[in-house]
PDB file of N, CA and C in Angstrom:
ATOM      1  N   MET A   1       6.952  15.126  -4.974  1.00  0.00           N
ATOM      2  CA  MET A   1       7.964  14.297  -5.406  1.00  0.00           C
ATOM      3  C   MET A   1       9.198  15.363  -4.554  1.00  0.00           C
ATOM      4  N   ASN A   2       9.013  16.831  -4.600  1.00  0.00           N
ATOM      5  CA  ASN A   2      10.133  17.603  -3.567  1.00  0.00           C
ATOM      6  C   ASN A   2       9.822  16.942  -1.740  1.00  0.00           C
ATOM      7  N   TYR A   3       8.715  16.057  -1.834  1.00  0.00           N
ATOM      8  CA  TYR A   3       8.775  15.423  -0.324  1.00  0.00           C
ATOM      9  C   TYR A   3       9.421  14.352   0.039  1.00  0.00           C
ATOM     10  N   TYR A   4       9.451  13.461  -0.788  1.00  0.00           N
ATOM     11  CA  TYR A   4      10.341  12.503  -0.810  1.00  0.00           C
ATOM     12  C   TYR A   4      11.847  12.742  -0.992  1.00  0.00           C
ATOM     13  N   ILE A   5      12.244  13.811  -2.083  1.00  0.00           N
ATOM     14  CA  ILE A   5      13.881  14.503  -2.146  1.00  0.00           C
ATOM     15  C   ILE A   5      13.829  15.029  -0.609  1.00  0.00           C
ATOM     16  N   ASP A   6      13.250  15.397  -0.310  1.00  0.00           N
ATOM     17  CA  ASP A   6      13.558  16.245   1.194  1.00  0.00           C
ATOM     18  C   ASP A   6      13.678  15.138   2.162  1.00  0.00           C
ATOM     19  N   VAL A   7      13.036  14.067   2.316  1.00  0.00           N
ATOM     20  CA  VAL A   7      12.835  13.124   3.527  1.00  0.00           C
ATOM     21  C   VAL A   7      14.539  12.579   2.939  1.00  0.00           C
ATOM     22  N   LEU A   8      14.375  11.882   2.045  1.00  0.00           N
ATOM     23  CA  LEU A   8      15.871  11.192   1.399  1.00  0.00           C
ATOM     24  C   LEU A   8      17.099  12.041   1.944  1.00  0.00           C
ATOM     25  N   LYS A   9      17.246  13.428   1.564  1.00  0.00           N
ATOM     26  CA  LYS A   9      18.301  14.163   2.163  1.00  0.00           C
ATOM     27  C   LYS A   9      18.718  14.523   3.681  1.00  0.00           C
ATOM     28  N   ASN A  10      16.973  14.187   4.189  1.00  0.00           N
ATOM     29  CA  ASN A  10      17.662  14.642   5.602  1.00  0.00           C
ATOM     30  C   ASN A  10      17.272  12.852   6.148  1.00  0.00           C
ATOM     31  N   TYR A  11      18.286  12.102   5.741  1.00  0.00           N
ATOM     32  CA  TYR A  11      18.656  10.696   5.767  1.00  0.00           C
ATOM     33  C   TYR A  11      18.482  10.107   7.157  1.00  0.00           C
ATOM     34  N   ALA A  12      19.041  10.771   7.855  1.00  0.00           N
ATOM     35  CA  ALA A  12      19.048  10.317   9.553  1.00  0.00           C
ATOM     36  C   ALA A  12      18.641  11.013  10.251  1.00  0.00           C
ATOM     37  N   VAL A  13      17.890  12.161  10.209  1.00  0.00           N
ATOM     38  CA  VAL A  13      17.720  13.346  10.747  1.00  0.00           C
ATOM     39  C   VAL A  13      16.346  13.175  11.988  1.00  0.00           C
ATOM     40  N   PHE A  14      16.726  12.021  13.433  1.00  0.00           N
ATOM     41  CA  PHE A  14      15.687  11.875  14.018  1.00  0.00           C
ATOM     42  C   PHE A  14      15.124  12.683  14.688  1.00  0.00           C
ATOM     43  N   THR A  15      15.464  14.295  15.057  1.00  0.00           N
ATOM     44  CA  THR A  15      14.856  15.493  15.496  1.00  0.00           C
ATOM     45  C   THR A  15      14.197  16.602  14.626  1.00  0.00           C
ATOM     46  N   GLY A  16      13.287  16.697  15.181  1.00  0.00           N
ATOM     47  CA  GLY A  16      11.929  18.018  14.422  1.00  0.00           C
ATOM     48  C   GLY A  16      10.874  17.224  14.027  1.00  0.00           C
ATOM     49  N   ARG A  17      10.133  18.170  13.249  1.00  0.00           N
ATOM     50  CA  ARG A  17       8.603  17.854  12.802  1.00  0.00           C
ATOM     51  C   ARG A  17       8.638  17.725  11.472  1.00  0.00           C
ATOM     52  N   ALA A  18       7.613  16.712  11.455  1.00  0.00           N
ATOM     53  CA  ALA A  18       7.617  16.608   9.900  1.00  0.00           C
ATOM     54  C   ALA A  18       5.840  16.583   9.875  1.00  0.00           C
ATOM     55  N   ARG A  19       5.176  17.360   8.961  1.00  0.00           N
ATOM     56  CA  ARG A  19       3.943  17.424   8.473  1.00  0.00           C
ATOM     57  C   ARG A  19       3.072  16.286   7.757  1.00  0.00           C
ATOM     58  N   ARG A  20       1.844  16.648   8.374  1.00  0.00           N
ATOM     59  CA  ARG A  20       1.124  15.298   7.354  1.00  0.00           C
ATOM     60  C   ARG A  20       1.358  15.084   6.027  1.00  0.00           C
ATOM     61  N   GLN A  21       1.553  16.099   5.426  1.00  0.00           N
ATOM     62  CA  GLN A  21       1.681  16.580   3.576  1.00  0.00           C
ATOM     63  C   GLN A  21       3.584  15.689   3.460  1.00  0.00           C
ATOM     64  N   GLU A  22       4.213  16.138   4.220  1.00  0.00           N
ATOM     65  CA  GLU A  22       5.394  15.645   3.914  1.00  0.00           C
ATOM     66  C   GLU A  22       5.519  13.866   3.819  1.00  0.00           C
ATOM     67  N   TYR A  23       4.813  13.665   5.111  1.00  0.00           N
ATOM     68  CA  TYR A  23       5.022  12.160   5.380  1.00  0.00           C
ATOM     69  C   TYR A  23       4.406  11.018   4.257  1.00  0.00           C
ATOM     70  N   TRP A  24       2.737  11.919   4.502  1.00  0.00           N
ATOM     71  CA  TRP A  24       2.419  10.676   3.022  1.00  0.00           C
ATOM     72  C   TRP A  24       2.572  10.865   2.054  1.00  0.00           C
ATOM     73  N   MET A  25       3.215  11.892   1.922  1.00  0.00           N
ATOM     74  CA  MET A  25       3.669  12.300  -0.115  1.00  0.00           C
ATOM     75  C   MET A  25       4.954  11.138   0.143  1.00  0.00           C
ATOM     76  N   PHE A  26       6.024  11.071   0.923  1.00  0.00           N
ATOM     77  CA  PHE A  26       6.851  10.052   0.909  1.00  0.00           C
ATOM     78  C   PHE A  26       6.606   8.587   0.899  1.00  0.00           C
ATOM     79  N   ILE A  27       5.498   8.258   1.716  1.00  0.00           N
ATOM     80  CA  ILE A  27       4.902   6.905   1.727  1.00  0.00           C
ATOM     81  C   ILE A  27       4.638   6.604   0.568  1.00  0.00           C
ATOM     82  N   LEU A  28       3.060   7.980  -0.202  1.00  0.00           N
ATOM     83  CA  LEU A  28       2.862   7.390  -1.582  1.00  0.00           C
ATOM     84  C   LEU A  28       4.180   7.184  -2.341  1.00  0.00           C
ATOM     85  N   PHE A  29       5.127   8.254  -2.472  1.00  0.00           N
ATOM     86  CA  PHE A  29       6.113   7.643  -3.674  1.00  0.00           C
ATOM     87  C   PHE A  29       6.657   6.711  -3.511  1.00  0.00           C
ATOM     88  N   ASN A  30       7.273   6.526  -2.210  1.00  0.00           N
ATOM     89  CA  ASN A  30       7.851   5.279  -1.880  1.00  0.00           C
ATOM     90  C   ASN A  30       7.104   3.361  -2.176  1.00  0.00           C
ATOM     91  N   MET A  31       5.824   3.846  -1.931  1.00  0.00           N
ATOM     92  CA  MET A  31       4.965   2.649  -2.715  1.00  0.00           C
ATOM     93  C   MET A  31       5.030   2.389  -3.505  1.00  0.00           C
ATOM     94  N   VAL A  32       4.796   3.641  -4.406  1.00  0.00           N
ATOM     95  CA  VAL A  32       4.978   3.737  -5.939  1.00  0.00           C
ATOM     96  C   VAL A  32       6.119   3.045  -6.820  1.00  0.00           C
ATOM     97  N   ALA A  33       7.337   3.594  -6.107  1.00  0.00           N
ATOM     98  CA  ALA A  33       8.805   3.211  -6.328  1.00  0.00           C
ATOM     99  C   ALA A  33       8.475   1.479  -6.209  1.00  0.00           C
ATOM    100  N   SER A  34       8.564   0.985  -4.556  1.00  0.00           N
ATOM    101  CA  SER A  34       8.346  -0.441  -4.272  1.00  0.00           C
ATOM    102  C   SER A  34       7.575  -1.324  -5.591  1.00  0.00           C
ATOM    103  N   VAL A  35       6.478  -0.895  -5.912  1.00  0.00           N
ATOM    104  CA  VAL A  35       5.913  -1.746  -6.731  1.00  0.00           C
ATOM    105  C   VAL A  35       6.229  -1.791  -8.106  1.00  0.00           C
ATOM    106  N   LEU A  36       6.646  -0.463  -8.598  1.00  0.00           N
ATOM    107  CA  LEU A  36       7.527  -0.794  -9.745  1.00  0.00           C
ATOM    108  C   LEU A  36       8.880  -1.358  -9.861  1.00  0.00           C
ATOM    109  N   LEU A  37       9.226  -1.369  -8.981  1.00  0.00           N
ATOM    110  CA  LEU A  37      10.883  -2.262  -8.705  1.00  0.00           C
ATOM    111  C   LEU A  37      10.359  -3.703  -8.416  1.00  0.00           C
ATOM    112  N   SER A  38       9.591  -4.071  -7.759  1.00  0.00           N
ATOM    113  CA  SER A  38       8.515  -5.481  -7.460  1.00  0.00           C
ATOM    114  C   SER A  38       7.954  -6.243  -9.412  1.00  0.00           C
ATOM    115  N   PHE A  39       7.846  -5.243  -9.902  1.00  0.00           N
ATOM    116  CA  PHE A  39       7.090  -5.811 -10.979  1.00  0.00           C
ATOM    117  C   PHE A  39       8.112  -6.130 -12.179  1.00  0.00           C
ATOM    118  N   VAL A  40       9.625  -4.930 -11.877  1.00  0.00           N
ATOM    119  CA  VAL A  40      10.484  -5.076 -12.748  1.00  0.00           C
ATOM    120  C   VAL A  40      11.962  -6.339 -12.505  1.00  0.00           C
ATOM    121  N   ASP A  41      11.443  -6.478 -11.074  1.00  0.00           N
ATOM    122  CA  ASP A  41      12.409  -7.578 -10.538  1.00  0.00           C
ATOM    123  C   ASP A  41      11.192  -8.916 -11.051  1.00  0.00           C
ATOM    124  N   GLY A  42      10.201  -9.072 -11.161  1.00  0.00           N
ATOM    125  CA  GLY A  42       9.069  -9.945 -11.511  1.00  0.00           C
ATOM    126  C   GLY A  42       9.500 -10.190 -13.306  1.00  0.00           C
ATOM    127  N   LEU A  43       9.687  -9.089 -13.843  1.00  0.00           N
ATOM    128  CA  LEU A  43      10.184  -9.285 -15.484  1.00  0.00           C
ATOM    129  C   LEU A  43      11.454  -9.974 -15.821  1.00  0.00           C
ATOM    130  N   LEU A  44      12.390  -9.239 -14.603  1.00  0.00           N
ATOM    131  CA  LEU A  44      13.914  -9.617 -15.283  1.00  0.00           C
ATOM    132  C   LEU A  44      14.176 -11.014 -14.058  1.00  0.00           C
ATOM    133  N   GLY A  45      13.371 -11.855 -13.362  1.00  0.00           N
ATOM    134  CA  GLY A  45      13.985 -12.594 -12.423  1.00  0.00           C
ATOM    135  C   GLY A  45      14.613 -12.235 -12.182  1.00  0.00           C
ATOM    136  N   LEU A  46      15.661 -11.175 -11.616  1.00  0.00           N
ATOM    137  CA  LEU A  46      16.556 -10.494 -10.533  1.00  0.00           C
ATOM    138  C   LEU A  46      16.382 -10.595  -9.447  1.00  0.00           C
ATOM    139  N   GLY A  47      15.361  -9.840  -8.576  1.00  0.00           N
ATOM    140  CA  GLY A  47      15.086 -10.459  -7.266  1.00  0.00           C
ATOM    141  C   GLY A  47      15.300  -9.820  -6.345  1.00  0.00           C
ATOM    142  N   PHE A  48      16.642  -8.676  -6.517  1.00  0.00           N
ATOM    143  CA  PHE A  48      17.497  -7.611  -5.968  1.00  0.00           C
ATOM    144  C   PHE A  48      17.314  -6.472  -5.774  1.00  0.00           C
ATOM    145  N   LEU A  49      16.304  -5.770  -6.769  1.00  0.00           N
ATOM    146  CA  LEU A  49      16.059  -4.504  -6.980  1.00  0.00           C
ATOM    147  C   LEU A  49      15.430  -4.098  -5.427  1.00  0.00           C
ATOM    148  N   TYR A  50      14.178  -4.370  -5.502  1.00  0.00           N
ATOM    149  CA  TYR A  50      13.376  -4.526  -4.635  1.00  0.00           C
ATOM    150  C   TYR A  50      14.032  -4.441  -3.302  1.00  0.00           C
ATOM    151  N   LEU A  51      14.421  -5.399  -2.806  1.00  0.00           N
ATOM    152  CA  LEU A  51      15.661  -5.458  -1.629  1.00  0.00           C
ATOM    153  C   LEU A  51      16.579  -4.203  -1.567  1.00  0.00           C
ATOM    154  N   LEU A  52      17.205  -4.090  -2.479  1.00  0.00           N
ATOM    155  CA  LEU A  52      18.140  -3.123  -2.233  1.00  0.00           C
ATOM    156  C   LEU A  52      17.719  -1.078  -2.162  1.00  0.00           C
ATOM    157  N   TYR A  53      16.572  -1.669  -2.981  1.00  0.00           N
ATOM    158  CA  TYR A  53      15.439  -0.401  -2.495  1.00  0.00           C
ATOM    159  C   TYR A  53      14.964  -0.402  -1.151  1.00  0.00           C
ATOM    160  N   SER A  54      14.754  -1.307  -0.813  1.00  0.00           N
ATOM    161  CA  SER A  54      13.909  -1.479   0.588  1.00  0.00           C
ATOM    162  C   SER A  54      14.823  -0.976   1.808  1.00  0.00           C
ATOM    163  N   LEU A  55      16.015  -1.599   1.495  1.00  0.00           N
ATOM    164  CA  LEU A  55      17.149  -1.404   2.663  1.00  0.00           C
ATOM    165  C   LEU A  55      17.979  -0.208   2.433  1.00  0.00           C
ATOM    166  N   GLY A  56      17.208   0.284   1.489  1.00  0.00           N
ATOM    167  CA  GLY A  56      18.179   1.908   1.055  1.00  0.00           C
ATOM    168  C   GLY A  56      17.075   3.114   1.526  1.00  0.00           C
ATOM    169  N   VAL A  57      15.922   2.612   1.985  1.00  0.00           N
ATOM    170  CA  VAL A  57      14.846   3.620   2.158  1.00  0.00           C
ATOM    171  C   VAL A  57      14.306   3.239   3.736  1.00  0.00           C
ATOM    172  N   LEU A  58      14.987   2.308   4.533  1.00  0.00           N
ATOM    173  CA  LEU A  58      14.779   1.897   5.610  1.00  0.00           C
ATOM    174  C   LEU A  58      14.794   3.054   6.773  1.00  0.00           C
ATOM    175  N   ILE A  59      16.242   3.411   6.594  1.00  0.00           N
ATOM    176  CA  ILE A  59      16.132   4.423   7.591  1.00  0.00           C
ATOM    177  C   ILE A  59      15.644   5.827   7.539  1.00  0.00           C
ATOM    178  N   PRO A  60      15.629   6.385   5.883  1.00  0.00           N
ATOM    179  CA  PRO A  60      14.538   7.629   6.013  1.00  0.00           C
ATOM    180  C   PRO A  60      13.426   7.633   6.448  1.00  0.00           C
ATOM    181  N   ASN A  61      12.629   5.942   6.211  1.00  0.00           N
ATOM    182  CA  ASN A  61      10.964   5.859   6.448  1.00  0.00           C
ATOM    183  C   ASN A  61      11.243   5.930   7.767  1.00  0.00           C
ATOM    184  N   ILE A  62      12.054   5.326   8.695  1.00  0.00           N
ATOM    185  CA  ILE A  62      11.844   4.970  10.510  1.00  0.00           C
ATOM    186  C   ILE A  62      12.142   6.923  10.819  1.00  0.00           C
ATOM    187  N   ALA A  63      13.058   7.195   9.994  1.00  0.00           N
ATOM    188  CA  ALA A  63      13.220   9.041  10.368  1.00  0.00           C
ATOM    189  C   ALA A  63      12.141   9.724   9.928  1.00  0.00           C
ATOM    190  N   VAL A  64      11.393   9.711   9.139  1.00  0.00           N
ATOM    191  CA  VAL A  64      10.094  10.161   8.971  1.00  0.00           C
ATOM    192  C   VAL A  64       9.264  10.159   9.504  1.00  0.00           C
ATOM    193  N   GLY A  65       9.151   8.971   9.962  1.00  0.00           N
ATOM    194  CA  GLY A  65       7.854   8.230  10.815  1.00  0.00           C
ATOM    195  C   GLY A  65       8.201   9.048  12.502  1.00  0.00           C
ATOM    196  N   ILE A  66       9.370   8.883  13.127  1.00  0.00           N
ATOM    197  CA  ILE A  66       9.468   9.595  14.217  1.00  0.00           C
ATOM    198  C   ILE A  66       9.451  10.700  14.160  1.00  0.00           C
ATOM    199  N   ARG A  67       9.510  11.380  12.975  1.00  0.00           N
ATOM    200  CA  ARG A  67       9.474  13.452  13.170  1.00  0.00           C
ATOM    201  C   ARG A  67       7.777  13.866  12.979  1.00  0.00           C
ATOM    202  N   ARG A  68       7.076  12.328  12.496  1.00  0.00           N
ATOM    203  CA  ARG A  68       5.157  12.689  12.267  1.00  0.00           C
ATOM    204  C   ARG A  68       4.975  12.543  13.659  1.00  0.00           C
ATOM    205  N   MET A  69       5.473  11.587  14.264  1.00  0.00           N
ATOM    206  CA  MET A  69       4.906  11.793  16.273  1.00  0.00           C
ATOM    207  C   MET A  69       5.375  12.745  16.587  1.00  0.00           C
ATOM    208  N   HIS A  70       6.542  13.297  16.164  1.00  0.00           N
ATOM    209  CA  HIS A  70       7.030  14.154  17.013  1.00  0.00           C
ATOM    210  C   HIS A  70       6.483  15.482  16.794  1.00  0.00           C
ATOM    211  N   ASP A  71       5.535  15.584  15.422  1.00  0.00           N
ATOM    212  CA  ASP A  71       4.466  16.982  15.141  1.00  0.00           C
ATOM    213  C   ASP A  71       3.487  16.558  15.688  1.00  0.00           C
ATOM    214  N   VAL A  72       3.049  15.640  16.569  1.00  0.00           N
ATOM    215  CA  VAL A  72       1.858  15.641  17.007  1.00  0.00           C
ATOM    216  C   VAL A  72       1.764  15.364  18.389  1.00  0.00           C
ATOM    217  N   ASP A  73       3.328  15.678  18.682  1.00  0.00           N
ATOM    218  CA  ASP A  73       3.513  15.861  20.262  1.00  0.00           C
ATOM    219  C   ASP A  73       4.096  14.531  21.108  1.00  0.00           C
ATOM    220  N   LYS A  74       4.000  13.437  20.145  1.00  0.00           N
ATOM    221  CA  LYS A  74       4.363  12.234  20.528  1.00  0.00           C
ATOM    222  C   LYS A  74       6.079  12.082  20.599  1.00  0.00           C
ATOM    223  N   SER A  75       6.352  11.094  21.514  1.00  0.00           N
ATOM    224  CA  SER A  75       7.168  10.228  21.344  1.00  0.00           C
ATOM    225  C   SER A  75       7.307   9.491  19.567  1.00  0.00           C
ATOM    226  N   GLY A  76       8.723   9.311  19.798  1.00  0.00           N
ATOM    227  CA  GLY A  76       9.266   8.093  18.365  1.00  0.00           C
ATOM    228  C   GLY A  76       8.734   7.000  18.462  1.00  0.00           C
ATOM    229  N   TRP A  77       8.737   6.108  20.000  1.00  0.00           N
ATOM    230  CA  TRP A  77       8.309   5.257  20.015  1.00  0.00           C
ATOM    231  C   TRP A  77       7.127   4.869  19.864  1.00  0.00           C
ATOM    232  N   PHE A  78       5.787   5.759  19.538  1.00  0.00           N
ATOM    233  CA  PHE A  78       4.441   5.538  19.262  1.00  0.00           C
ATOM    234  C   PHE A  78       4.963   4.523  18.004  1.00  0.00           C
ATOM    235  N   LEU A  79       5.711   4.978  17.392  1.00  0.00           N
ATOM    236  CA  LEU A  79       5.437   4.302  16.111  1.00  0.00           C
ATOM    237  C   LEU A  79       5.526   2.219  16.022  1.00  0.00           C
ATOM    238  N   LEU A  80       5.631   2.173  17.418  1.00  0.00           N
ATOM    239  CA  LEU A  80       6.057   0.327  17.841  1.00  0.00           C
ATOM    240  C   LEU A  80       4.386   0.137  18.232  1.00  0.00           C
ATOM    241  N   ILE A  81       3.638   1.126  18.598  1.00  0.00           N
ATOM    242  CA  ILE A  81       2.005   0.756  18.631  1.00  0.00           C
ATOM    243  C   ILE A  81       1.256   0.666  17.576  1.00  0.00           C
ATOM    244  N   PRO A  82       0.812  -0.437  16.986  1.00  0.00           N
ATOM    245  CA  PRO A  82       0.360  -0.782  15.428  1.00  0.00           C
ATOM    246  C   PRO A  82      -1.315   0.340  14.743  1.00  0.00           C
ATOM    247  N   VAL A  83      -1.931   0.307  15.753  1.00  0.00           N
ATOM    248  CA  VAL A  83      -3.017   1.074  15.598  1.00  0.00           C
ATOM    249  C   VAL A  83      -2.802   2.090  15.383  1.00  0.00           C
ATOM    250  N   TYR A  84      -2.195   2.396  17.032  1.00  0.00           N
ATOM    251  CA  TYR A  84      -2.170   3.874  17.373  1.00  0.00           C
ATOM    252  C   TYR A  84      -1.913   4.754  16.399  1.00  0.00           C
ATOM    253  N   ASN A  85      -0.357   3.973  16.121  1.00  0.00           N
ATOM    254  CA  ASN A  85       0.487   5.005  15.407  1.00  0.00           C
ATOM    255  C   ASN A  85       0.081   5.689  13.888  1.00  0.00           C
ATOM    256  N   LEU A  86      -1.046   4.528  13.360  1.00  0.00           N
ATOM    257  CA  LEU A  86      -1.717   5.395  12.365  1.00  0.00           C
ATOM    258  C   LEU A  86      -2.977   6.245  12.483  1.00  0.00           C
ATOM    259  N   ILE A  87      -3.267   6.172  13.688  1.00  0.00           N
ATOM    260  CA  ILE A  87      -4.127   7.297  13.919  1.00  0.00           C
ATOM    261  C   ILE A  87      -3.572   8.694  14.432  1.00  0.00           C
ATOM    262  N   LEU A  88      -2.365   8.542  14.684  1.00  0.00           N
ATOM    263  CA  LEU A  88      -1.384   9.498  15.286  1.00  0.00           C
ATOM    264  C   LEU A  88      -0.659  10.231  13.670  1.00  0.00           C
ATOM    265  N   ALA A  89      -0.561   9.330  12.876  1.00  0.00           N
ATOM    266  CA  ALA A  89       0.163   9.510  11.414  1.00  0.00           C
ATOM    267  C   ALA A  89      -0.946  10.452  10.667  1.00  0.00           C
ATOM    268  N   CYS A  90      -2.287  10.234  11.139  1.00  0.00           N
ATOM    269  CA  CYS A  90      -3.288  11.027  10.358  1.00  0.00           C
ATOM    270  C   CYS A  90      -3.986  11.944  10.744  1.00  0.00           C
ATOM    271  N   SER A  91      -3.490  12.462  12.314  1.00  0.00           N
ATOM    272  CA  SER A  91      -4.295  13.679  12.409  1.00  0.00           C
ATOM    273  C   SER A  91      -3.611  14.799  12.374  1.00  0.00           C
ATOM    274  N   ALA A  92      -4.104  15.758  12.836  1.00  0.00           N
ATOM    275  CA  ALA A  92      -3.347  16.850  12.759  1.00  0.00           C
ATOM    276  C   ALA A  92      -1.738  17.186  13.878  1.00  0.00           C
ATOM    277  N   GLY A  93      -0.985  17.640  12.899  1.00  0.00           N
ATOM    278  CA  GLY A  93      -0.218  18.235  14.175  1.00  0.00           C
ATOM    279  C   GLY A  93      -0.295  19.426  15.157  1.00  0.00           C
ATOM    280  N   THR A  94       0.737  19.146  16.358  1.00  0.00           N
ATOM    281  CA  THR A  94       0.120  20.747  17.414  1.00  0.00           C
ATOM    282  C   THR A  94       0.358  21.809  16.818  1.00  0.00           C
ATOM    283  N   SER A  95      -0.614  22.815  17.056  1.00  0.00           N
ATOM    284  CA  SER A  95      -0.100  23.999  16.185  1.00  0.00           C
ATOM    285  C   SER A  95       0.553  24.985  17.107  1.00  0.00           C
ATOM    286  N   GLY A  96       1.695  25.431  17.136  1.00  0.00           N
ATOM    287  CA  GLY A  96       2.295  26.125  17.358  1.00  0.00           C
ATOM    288  C   GLY A  96       3.553  25.250  18.065  1.00  0.00           C
ATOM    289  N   ASP A  97       4.439  26.023  18.583  1.00  0.00           N
ATOM    290  CA  ASP A  97       5.989  24.969  18.887  1.00  0.00           C
ATOM    291  C   ASP A  97       5.344  24.096  19.678  1.00  0.00           C
ATOM    292  N   ASN A  98       6.231  22.402  19.947  1.00  0.00           N
ATOM    293  CA  ASN A  98       6.032  21.926  21.081  1.00  0.00           C
ATOM    294  C   ASN A  98       7.650  21.472  21.355  1.00  0.00           C
ATOM    295  N   ARG A  99       7.539  20.752  22.245  1.00  0.00           N
ATOM    296  CA  ARG A  99       8.727  20.245  22.672  1.00  0.00           C
ATOM    297  C   ARG A  99       9.890  19.497  21.575  1.00  0.00           C
ATOM    298  N   PHE A 100       9.513  18.935  20.944  1.00  0.00           N
ATOM    299  CA  PHE A 100      10.482  18.730  19.734  1.00  0.00           C
ATOM    300  C   PHE A 100      10.915  19.784  18.669  1.00  0.00           C
ATOM    301  N   GLY A 101      10.210  20.753  18.324  1.00  0.00           N
ATOM    302  CA  GLY A 101      10.553  21.789  17.480  1.00  0.00           C
ATOM    303  C   GLY A 101       9.549  22.599  17.365  1.00  0.00           C
ATOM    304  N   GLU A 102       9.889  23.838  16.905  1.00  0.00           N
ATOM    305  CA  GLU A 102       9.097  25.086  15.955  1.00  0.00           C
ATOM    306  C   GLU A 102       7.756  23.956  14.943  1.00  0.00           C
ATOM    307  N   ASP A 103       6.611  24.731  15.019  1.00  0.00           N
ATOM    308  CA  ASP A 103       6.171  24.412  14.258  1.00  0.00           C
ATOM    309  C   ASP A 103       6.276  24.607  12.120  1.00  0.00           C
ATOM    310  N   SER A 104       6.174  23.957  11.667  1.00  0.00           N
ATOM    311  CA  SER A 104       6.643  24.337  10.165  1.00  0.00           C
ATOM    312  C   SER A 104       5.683  24.444   9.551  1.00  0.00           C
ATOM    313  N   LYS A 105       4.321  24.784   9.885  1.00  0.00           N
ATOM    314  CA  LYS A 105       3.360  25.402   9.138  1.00  0.00           C
ATOM    315  C   LYS A 105       3.515  26.522   9.344  1.00  0.00           C
ATOM    316  N   ALA A 106       4.129  27.872  10.002  1.00  0.00           N
ATOM    317  CA  ALA A 106       4.397  29.030  10.311  1.00  0.00           C
ATOM    318  C   ALA A 106       5.165  29.300   9.948  1.00  0.00           C
TER     319      ALA A 106
END
């Protein structure tokens, strides 16, 4: 849960690096929250809770994705390549410092 909150605290930080664990924990909690809000929307017939949440986490989702690409020493534009970005998101980050910042594991 701390990773999710940390990503939300860095709302629009597109610089630096995000480790695999930070990225995937954010994705996990984001999906759980999305499913729960969709379920609540369906029960209550509101239809806007999920939409508001999705709009609220759109920028943090893009930001953590770009930082994840930076961790594997790639530009954030690689998020636009459908399958390759998933491969990069699953691969280990570069050890040591790279052009996007210090190694967060060190």
